[in-house]
Amino acid sequence: MTEPDVLSSEIGVLMALQRDAWRELASSELTQFDRREIRNRIRQSEVDLRGFLKMRTERLRFQPRPVEAPIDSLATINFRFF
């Protein structure tokens, strides 16, 4: 896998973990300790997710531009004779 693919898969995994944690948090059978642990897990994954999203944004923003062929400056000169 290429580096952008790995980054995208990590982002997907973290989003899935957060989604599952929020579903788990909705359970009425959890103790206060369990709820606190789940919220801590959500906070930590949020920090990691923000870091990965920032990395992806930076990579997209600073992608190298395609190299354009040099323009022949003499071919574009329009001479006018009076």
PDB file of N, CA and C in Angstrom:
ATOM      1  N   MET A   1       0.839  -1.185   0.000  1.00  0.00           N
ATOM      2  CA  MET A   1       0.000   0.000   0.000  1.00  0.00           C
ATOM      3  C   MET A   1       0.880   1.243   0.000  1.00  0.00           C
ATOM      4  N   THR A   2       0.389   2.251  -0.665  1.00  0.00           N
ATOM      5  CA  THR A   2       1.146   3.493  -0.681  1.00  0.00           C
ATOM      6  C   THR A   2       0.854   4.292   0.575  1.00  0.00           C
ATOM      7  N   GLU A   3       1.649   5.293   0.805  1.00  0.00           N
ATOM      8  CA  GLU A   3       1.509   6.086   2.029  1.00  0.00           C
ATOM      9  C   GLU A   3       0.149   6.783   2.148  1.00  0.00           C
ATOM     10  N   PRO A   4      -0.394   7.399   1.076  1.00  0.00           N
ATOM     11  CA  PRO A   4      -1.734   7.990   1.196  1.00  0.00           C
ATOM     12  C   PRO A   4      -2.810   6.947   1.496  1.00  0.00           C
ATOM     13  N   ASP A   5      -2.644   5.728   0.947  1.00  0.00           N
ATOM     14  CA  ASP A   5      -3.614   4.670   1.224  1.00  0.00           C
ATOM     15  C   ASP A   5      -3.577   4.275   2.692  1.00  0.00           C
ATOM     16  N   VAL A   6      -2.393   4.192   3.257  1.00  0.00           N
ATOM     17  CA  VAL A   6      -2.250   3.844   4.676  1.00  0.00           C
ATOM     18  C   VAL A   6      -2.895   4.924   5.544  1.00  0.00           C
ATOM     19  N   LEU A   7      -2.652   6.180   5.187  1.00  0.00           N
ATOM     20  CA  LEU A   7      -3.221   7.293   5.937  1.00  0.00           C
ATOM     21  C   LEU A   7      -4.746   7.274   5.863  1.00  0.00           C
ATOM     22  N   SER A   8      -5.295   7.027   4.682  1.00  0.00           N
ATOM     23  CA  SER A   8      -6.747   6.957   4.526  1.00  0.00           C
ATOM     24  C   SER A   8      -7.336   5.791   5.300  1.00  0.00           C
ATOM     25  N   SER A   9      -6.643   4.667   5.308  1.00  0.00           N
ATOM     26  CA  SER A   9      -7.164   3.519   6.054  1.00  0.00           C
ATOM     27  C   SER A   9      -7.112   3.776   7.560  1.00  0.00           C
ATOM     28  N   GLU A  10      -6.053   4.449   8.033  1.00  0.00           N
ATOM     29  CA  GLU A  10      -5.970   4.796   9.460  1.00  0.00           C
ATOM     30  C   GLU A  10      -7.110   5.740   9.856  1.00  0.00           C
ATOM     31  N   ILE A  11      -7.405   6.701   8.989  1.00  0.00           N
ATOM     32  CA  ILE A  11      -8.501   7.629   9.263  1.00  0.00           C
ATOM     33  C   ILE A  11      -9.819   6.866   9.319  1.00  0.00           C
ATOM     34  N   GLY A  12     -10.016   5.950   8.391  1.00  0.00           N
ATOM     35  CA  GLY A  12     -11.237   5.141   8.382  1.00  0.00           C
ATOM     36  C   GLY A  12     -11.377   4.284   9.630  1.00  0.00           C
ATOM     37  N   VAL A  13     -10.274   3.697  10.062  1.00  0.00           N
ATOM     38  CA  VAL A  13     -10.292   2.862  11.270  1.00  0.00           C
ATOM     39  C   VAL A  13     -10.655   3.694  12.500  1.00  0.00           C
ATOM     40  N   LEU A  14     -10.034   4.867  12.629  1.00  0.00           N
ATOM     41  CA  LEU A  14     -10.322   5.721  13.788  1.00  0.00           C
ATOM     42  C   LEU A  14     -11.764   6.202  13.788  1.00  0.00           C
ATOM     43  N   MET A  15     -12.303   6.522  12.614  1.00  0.00           N
ATOM     44  CA  MET A  15     -13.697   6.948  12.544  1.00  0.00           C
ATOM     45  C   MET A  15     -14.635   5.803  12.935  1.00  0.00           C
ATOM     46  N   ALA A  16     -14.306   4.590  12.510  1.00  0.00           N
ATOM     47  CA  ALA A  16     -15.117   3.425  12.873  1.00  0.00           C
ATOM     48  C   ALA A  16     -15.045   3.161  14.380  1.00  0.00           C
ATOM     49  N   LEU A  17     -13.844   3.320  14.965  1.00  0.00           N
ATOM     50  CA  LEU A  17     -13.699   3.128  16.409  1.00  0.00           C
ATOM     51  C   LEU A  17     -14.538   4.140  17.185  1.00  0.00           C
ATOM     52  N   GLN A  18     -14.527   5.383  16.728  1.00  0.00           N
ATOM     53  CA  GLN A  18     -15.329   6.397  17.402  1.00  0.00           C
ATOM     54  C   GLN A  18     -16.822   6.095  17.271  1.00  0.00           C
ATOM     55  N   ARG A  19     -17.236   5.690  16.090  1.00  0.00           N
ATOM     56  CA  ARG A  19     -18.643   5.354  15.867  1.00  0.00           C
ATOM     57  C   ARG A  19     -19.078   4.221  16.801  1.00  0.00           C
ATOM     58  N   ASP A  20     -18.243   3.192  16.909  1.00  0.00           N
ATOM     59  CA  ASP A  20     -18.558   2.060  17.791  1.00  0.00           C
ATOM     60  C   ASP A  20     -18.564   2.478  19.263  1.00  0.00           C
ATOM     61  N   ALA A  21     -17.627   3.334  19.641  1.00  0.00           N
ATOM     62  CA  ALA A  21     -17.556   3.787  21.036  1.00  0.00           C
ATOM     63  C   ALA A  21     -18.803   4.594  21.396  1.00  0.00           C
ATOM     64  N   TRP A  22     -19.269   5.444  20.481  1.00  0.00           N
ATOM     65  CA  TRP A  22     -20.484   6.220  20.770  1.00  0.00           C
ATOM     66  C   TRP A  22     -21.693   5.305  20.894  1.00  0.00           C
ATOM     67  N   ARG A  23     -21.763   4.262  20.071  1.00  0.00           N
ATOM     68  CA  ARG A  23     -22.865   3.297  20.192  1.00  0.00           C
ATOM     69  C   ARG A  23     -22.790   2.570  21.537  1.00  0.00           C
ATOM     70  N   GLU A  24     -21.580   2.192  21.911  1.00  0.00           N
ATOM     71  CA  GLU A  24     -21.376   1.495  23.176  1.00  0.00           C
ATOM     72  C   GLU A  24     -21.726   2.396  24.357  1.00  0.00           C
ATOM     73  N   LEU A  25     -21.442   3.669  24.235  1.00  0.00           N
ATOM     74  CA  LEU A  25     -21.720   4.624  25.306  1.00  0.00           C
ATOM     75  C   LEU A  25     -23.217   4.782  25.547  1.00  0.00           C
ATOM     76  N   ALA A  26     -24.022   4.505  24.539  1.00  0.00           N
ATOM     77  CA  ALA A  26     -25.471   4.642  24.666  1.00  0.00           C
ATOM     78  C   ALA A  26     -26.104   3.510  25.479  1.00  0.00           C
ATOM     79  N   SER A  27     -25.340   2.494  25.777  1.00  0.00           N
ATOM     80  CA  SER A  27     -25.871   1.357  26.534  1.00  0.00           C
ATOM     81  C   SER A  27     -26.197   1.758  27.967  1.00  0.00           C
ATOM     82  N   SER A  28     -27.342   1.306  28.439  1.00  0.00           N
ATOM     83  CA  SER A  28     -27.757   1.647  29.803  1.00  0.00           C
ATOM     84  C   SER A  28     -27.139   0.714  30.849  1.00  0.00           C
ATOM     85  N   GLU A  29     -26.456  -0.322  30.412  1.00  0.00           N
ATOM     86  CA  GLU A  29     -25.886  -1.305  31.332  1.00  0.00           C
ATOM     87  C   GLU A  29     -24.481  -0.950  31.803  1.00  0.00           C
ATOM     88  N   LEU A  30     -23.949   0.169  31.371  1.00  0.00           N
ATOM     89  CA  LEU A  30     -22.575   0.541  31.720  1.00  0.00           C
ATOM     90  C   LEU A  30     -22.509   1.193  33.096  1.00  0.00           C
ATOM     91  N   THR A  31     -21.404   0.951  33.771  1.00  0.00           N
ATOM     92  CA  THR A  31     -21.162   1.626  35.043  1.00  0.00           C
ATOM     93  C   THR A  31     -20.531   2.989  34.759  1.00  0.00           C
ATOM     94  N   GLN A  32     -20.420   3.812  35.799  1.00  0.00           N
ATOM     95  CA  GLN A  32     -19.799   5.118  35.620  1.00  0.00           C
ATOM     96  C   GLN A  32     -18.345   4.986  35.167  1.00  0.00           C
ATOM     97  N   PHE A  33     -17.659   4.012  35.724  1.00  0.00           N
ATOM     98  CA  PHE A  33     -16.267   3.775  35.342  1.00  0.00           C
ATOM     99  C   PHE A  33     -16.167   3.417  33.859  1.00  0.00           C
ATOM    100  N   ASP A  34     -17.059   2.520  33.400  1.00  0.00           N
ATOM    101  CA  ASP A  34     -17.049   2.126  31.991  1.00  0.00           C
ATOM    102  C   ASP A  34     -17.318   3.317  31.079  1.00  0.00           C
ATOM    103  N   ARG A  35     -18.283   4.151  31.467  1.00  0.00           N
ATOM    104  CA  ARG A  35     -18.596   5.347  30.664  1.00  0.00           C
ATOM    105  C   ARG A  35     -17.390   6.292  30.595  1.00  0.00           C
ATOM    106  N   ARG A  36     -16.734   6.459  31.731  1.00  0.00           N
ATOM    107  CA  ARG A  36     -15.560   7.333  31.764  1.00  0.00           C
ATOM    108  C   ARG A  36     -14.457   6.786  30.861  1.00  0.00           C
ATOM    109  N   GLU A  37     -14.240   5.494  30.905  1.00  0.00           N
ATOM    110  CA  GLU A  37     -13.213   4.871  30.071  1.00  0.00           C
ATOM    111  C   GLU A  37     -13.549   5.011  28.585  1.00  0.00           C
ATOM    112  N   ILE A  38     -14.800   4.847  28.245  1.00  0.00           N
ATOM    113  CA  ILE A  38     -15.207   4.992  26.844  1.00  0.00           C
ATOM    114  C   ILE A  38     -15.022   6.434  26.389  1.00  0.00           C
ATOM    115  N   ARG A  39     -15.391   7.390  27.232  1.00  0.00           N
ATOM    116  CA  ARG A  39     -15.208   8.806  26.875  1.00  0.00           C
ATOM    117  C   ARG A  39     -13.726   9.137  26.717  1.00  0.00           C
ATOM    118  N   ASN A  40     -12.888   8.569  27.580  1.00  0.00           N
ATOM    119  CA  ASN A  40     -11.434   8.779  27.441  1.00  0.00           C
ATOM    120  C   ASN A  40     -10.921   8.177  26.131  1.00  0.00           C
ATOM    121  N   ARG A  41     -11.443   7.019  25.784  1.00  0.00           N
ATOM    122  CA  ARG A  41     -11.053   6.372  24.522  1.00  0.00           C
ATOM    123  C   ARG A  41     -11.484   7.226  23.326  1.00  0.00           C
ATOM    124  N   ILE A  42     -12.688   7.815  23.408  1.00  0.00           N
ATOM    125  CA  ILE A  42     -13.170   8.689  22.339  1.00  0.00           C
ATOM    126  C   ILE A  42     -12.276   9.922  22.224  1.00  0.00           C
ATOM    127  N   ARG A  43     -11.929  10.515  23.357  1.00  0.00           N
ATOM    128  CA  ARG A  43     -11.064  11.711  23.329  1.00  0.00           C
ATOM    129  C   ARG A  43      -9.705  11.401  22.711  1.00  0.00           C
ATOM    130  N   GLN A  44      -9.117  10.276  23.094  1.00  0.00           N
ATOM    131  CA  GLN A  44      -7.808   9.913  22.562  1.00  0.00           C
ATOM    132  C   GLN A  44      -7.878   9.645  21.062  1.00  0.00           C
ATOM    133  N   SER A  45      -8.913   8.944  20.632  1.00  0.00           N
ATOM    134  CA  SER A  45      -9.024   8.676  19.194  1.00  0.00           C
ATOM    135  C   SER A  45      -9.317   9.960  18.424  1.00  0.00           C
ATOM    136  N   GLU A  46      -9.989  10.917  19.067  1.00  0.00           N
ATOM    137  CA  GLU A  46     -10.245  12.204  18.426  1.00  0.00           C
ATOM    138  C   GLU A  46      -8.937  12.968  18.204  1.00  0.00           C
ATOM    139  N   VAL A  47      -8.047  12.918  19.191  1.00  0.00           N
ATOM    140  CA  VAL A  47      -6.744  13.578  19.053  1.00  0.00           C
ATOM    141  C   VAL A  47      -5.957  12.926  17.909  1.00  0.00           C
ATOM    142  N   ASP A  48      -5.946  11.605  17.871  1.00  0.00           N
ATOM    143  CA  ASP A  48      -5.237  10.894  16.804  1.00  0.00           C
ATOM    144  C   ASP A  48      -5.849  11.199  15.440  1.00  0.00           C
ATOM    145  N   LEU A  49      -7.176  11.213  15.383  1.00  0.00           N
ATOM    146  CA  LEU A  49      -7.869  11.481  14.128  1.00  0.00           C
ATOM    147  C   LEU A  49      -7.559  12.882  13.615  1.00  0.00           C
ATOM    148  N   ARG A  50      -7.547  13.859  14.508  1.00  0.00           N
ATOM    149  CA  ARG A  50      -7.216  15.229  14.106  1.00  0.00           C
ATOM    150  C   ARG A  50      -5.798  15.307  13.537  1.00  0.00           C
ATOM    151  N   GLY A  51      -4.881  14.581  14.157  1.00  0.00           N
ATOM    152  CA  GLY A  51      -3.502  14.568  13.668  1.00  0.00           C
ATOM    153  C   GLY A  51      -3.406  13.972  12.267  1.00  0.00           C
ATOM    154  N   PHE A  52      -4.091  12.849  12.036  1.00  0.00           N
ATOM    155  CA  PHE A  52      -4.073  12.226  10.718  1.00  0.00           C
ATOM    156  C   PHE A  52      -4.750  13.115   9.677  1.00  0.00           C
ATOM    157  N   LEU A  53      -5.862  13.756  10.051  1.00  0.00           N
ATOM    158  CA  LEU A  53      -6.543  14.646   9.115  1.00  0.00           C
ATOM    159  C   LEU A  53      -5.678  15.857   8.772  1.00  0.00           C
ATOM    160  N   LYS A  54      -4.945  16.351   9.754  1.00  0.00           N
ATOM    161  CA  LYS A  54      -4.045  17.479   9.504  1.00  0.00           C
ATOM    162  C   LYS A  54      -2.933  17.053   8.546  1.00  0.00           C
ATOM    163  N   MET A  55      -2.380  15.839   8.754  1.00  0.00           N
ATOM    164  CA  MET A  55      -1.349  15.331   7.857  1.00  0.00           C
ATOM    165  C   MET A  55      -1.869  15.219   6.431  1.00  0.00           C
ATOM    166  N   ARG A  56      -3.085  14.681   6.287  1.00  0.00           N
ATOM    167  CA  ARG A  56      -3.660  14.521   4.952  1.00  0.00           C
ATOM    168  C   ARG A  56      -3.896  15.875   4.292  1.00  0.00           C
ATOM    169  N   THR A  57      -4.361  16.846   5.074  1.00  0.00           N
ATOM    170  CA  THR A  57      -4.590  18.183   4.533  1.00  0.00           C
ATOM    171  C   THR A  57      -3.283  18.809   4.070  1.00  0.00           C
ATOM    172  N   GLU A  58      -2.238  18.673   4.862  1.00  0.00           N
ATOM    173  CA  GLU A  58      -0.941  19.236   4.491  1.00  0.00           C
ATOM    174  C   GLU A  58      -0.403  18.579   3.222  1.00  0.00           C
ATOM    175  N   ARG A  59      -0.581  17.293   3.099  1.00  0.00           N
ATOM    176  CA  ARG A  59      -0.083  16.605   1.902  1.00  0.00           C
ATOM    177  C   ARG A  59      -0.865  17.023   0.669  1.00  0.00           C
ATOM    178  N   LEU A  60      -2.167  17.213   0.817  1.00  0.00           N
ATOM    179  CA  LEU A  60      -2.969  17.633  -0.329  1.00  0.00           C
ATOM    180  C   LEU A  60      -2.663  19.077  -0.713  1.00  0.00           C
ATOM    181  N   ARG A  61      -2.383  19.895   0.271  1.00  0.00           N
ATOM    182  CA  ARG A  61      -2.126  21.306  -0.006  1.00  0.00           C
ATOM    183  C   ARG A  61      -0.784  21.504  -0.693  1.00  0.00           C
ATOM    184  N   PHE A  62       0.200  20.720  -0.337  1.00  0.00           N
ATOM    185  CA  PHE A  62       1.546  20.913  -0.868  1.00  0.00           C
ATOM    186  C   PHE A  62       1.940  19.856  -1.898  1.00  0.00           C
ATOM    187  N   GLN A  63       0.977  19.382  -2.659  1.00  0.00           N
ATOM    188  CA  GLN A  63       1.306  18.435  -3.714  1.00  0.00           C
ATOM    189  C   GLN A  63       2.079  19.157  -4.812  1.00  0.00           C
ATOM    190  N   PRO A  64       3.086  18.510  -5.356  1.00  0.00           N
ATOM    191  CA  PRO A  64       3.840  19.170  -6.432  1.00  0.00           C
ATOM    192  C   PRO A  64       2.959  19.349  -7.661  1.00  0.00           C
ATOM    193  N   ARG A  65       3.122  20.497  -8.285  1.00  0.00           N
ATOM    194  CA  ARG A  65       2.352  20.774  -9.493  1.00  0.00           C
ATOM    195  C   ARG A  65       2.989  20.046 -10.670  1.00  0.00           C
ATOM    196  N   PRO A  66       2.178  19.688 -11.652  1.00  0.00           N
ATOM    197  CA  PRO A  66       2.752  19.014 -12.820  1.00  0.00           C
ATOM    198  C   PRO A  66       3.677  19.958 -13.583  1.00  0.00           C
ATOM    199  N   VAL A  67       4.746  19.409 -14.085  1.00  0.00           N
ATOM    200  CA  VAL A  67       5.732  20.199 -14.807  1.00  0.00           C
ATOM    201  C   VAL A  67       5.172  20.499 -16.195  1.00  0.00           C
ATOM    202  N   GLU A  68       5.146  21.786 -16.524  1.00  0.00           N
ATOM    203  CA  GLU A  68       4.664  22.191 -17.837  1.00  0.00           C
ATOM    204  C   GLU A  68       5.839  22.280 -18.800  1.00  0.00           C
ATOM    205  N   ALA A  69       5.549  21.995 -20.038  1.00  0.00           N
ATOM    206  CA  ALA A  69       6.589  22.095 -21.059  1.00  0.00           C
ATOM    207  C   ALA A  69       6.965  23.562 -21.241  1.00  0.00           C
ATOM    208  N   PRO A  70       8.249  23.851 -21.412  1.00  0.00           N
ATOM    209  CA  PRO A  70       8.658  25.247 -21.606  1.00  0.00           C
ATOM    210  C   PRO A  70       8.085  25.792 -22.910  1.00  0.00           C
ATOM    211  N   ILE A  71       7.683  27.031 -22.851  1.00  0.00           N
ATOM    212  CA  ILE A  71       7.090  27.670 -24.014  1.00  0.00           C
ATOM    213  C   ILE A  71       8.213  28.301 -24.838  1.00  0.00           C
ATOM    214  N   ASP A  72       8.159  28.085 -26.134  1.00  0.00           N
ATOM    215  CA  ASP A  72       9.144  28.681 -27.028  1.00  0.00           C
ATOM    216  C   ASP A  72       8.768  30.147 -27.217  1.00  0.00           C
ATOM    217  N   SER A  73       9.514  31.035 -26.581  1.00  0.00           N
ATOM    218  CA  SER A  73       9.153  32.448 -26.580  1.00  0.00           C
ATOM    219  C   SER A  73       9.288  33.089 -27.953  1.00  0.00           C
ATOM    220  N   LEU A  74      10.168  32.574 -28.787  1.00  0.00           N
ATOM    221  CA  LEU A  74      10.330  33.148 -30.123  1.00  0.00           C
ATOM    222  C   LEU A  74       9.173  32.776 -31.045  1.00  0.00           C
ATOM    223  N   ALA A  75       8.525  31.683 -30.785  1.00  0.00           N
ATOM    224  CA  ALA A  75       7.423  31.249 -31.632  1.00  0.00           C
ATOM    225  C   ALA A  75       6.152  32.060 -31.375  1.00  0.00           C
ATOM    226  N   THR A  76       6.066  32.716 -30.238  1.00  0.00           N
ATOM    227  CA  THR A  76       4.852  33.457 -29.910  1.00  0.00           C
ATOM    228  C   THR A  76       4.951  34.952 -30.181  1.00  0.00           C
ATOM    229  N   ILE A  77       6.059  35.399 -30.737  1.00  0.00           N
ATOM    230  CA  ILE A  77       6.227  36.821 -31.023  1.00  0.00           C
ATOM    231  C   ILE A  77       5.501  37.162 -32.323  1.00  0.00           C
ATOM    232  N   ASN A  78       4.692  38.183 -32.271  1.00  0.00           N
ATOM    233  CA  ASN A  78       3.985  38.643 -33.470  1.00  0.00           C
ATOM    234  C   ASN A  78       4.663  39.914 -33.969  1.00  0.00           C
ATOM    235  N   PHE A  79       5.312  39.806 -35.103  1.00  0.00           N
ATOM    236  CA  PHE A  79       5.981  40.972 -35.686  1.00  0.00           C
ATOM    237  C   PHE A  79       5.017  41.736 -36.578  1.00  0.00           C
ATOM    238  N   ARG A  80       5.089  43.036 -36.504  1.00  0.00           N
ATOM    239  CA  ARG A  80       4.281  43.897 -37.364  1.00  0.00           C
ATOM    240  C   ARG A  80       5.235  44.761 -38.179  1.00  0.00           C
ATOM    241  N   PHE A  81       5.071  44.725 -39.449  1.00  0.00           N
ATOM    242  CA  PHE A  81       5.879  45.567 -40.328  1.00  0.00           C
ATOM    243  C   PHE A  81       4.986  46.637 -40.914  1.00  0.00           C
ATOM    244  N   PHE A  82       5.416  47.877 -40.836  1.00  0.00           N
ATOM    245  CA  PHE A  82       4.619  48.990 -41.356  1.00  0.00           C
ATOM    246  C   PHE A  82       5.183  49.497 -42.634  1.00  0.00           C
TER     247      PHE A  82
END
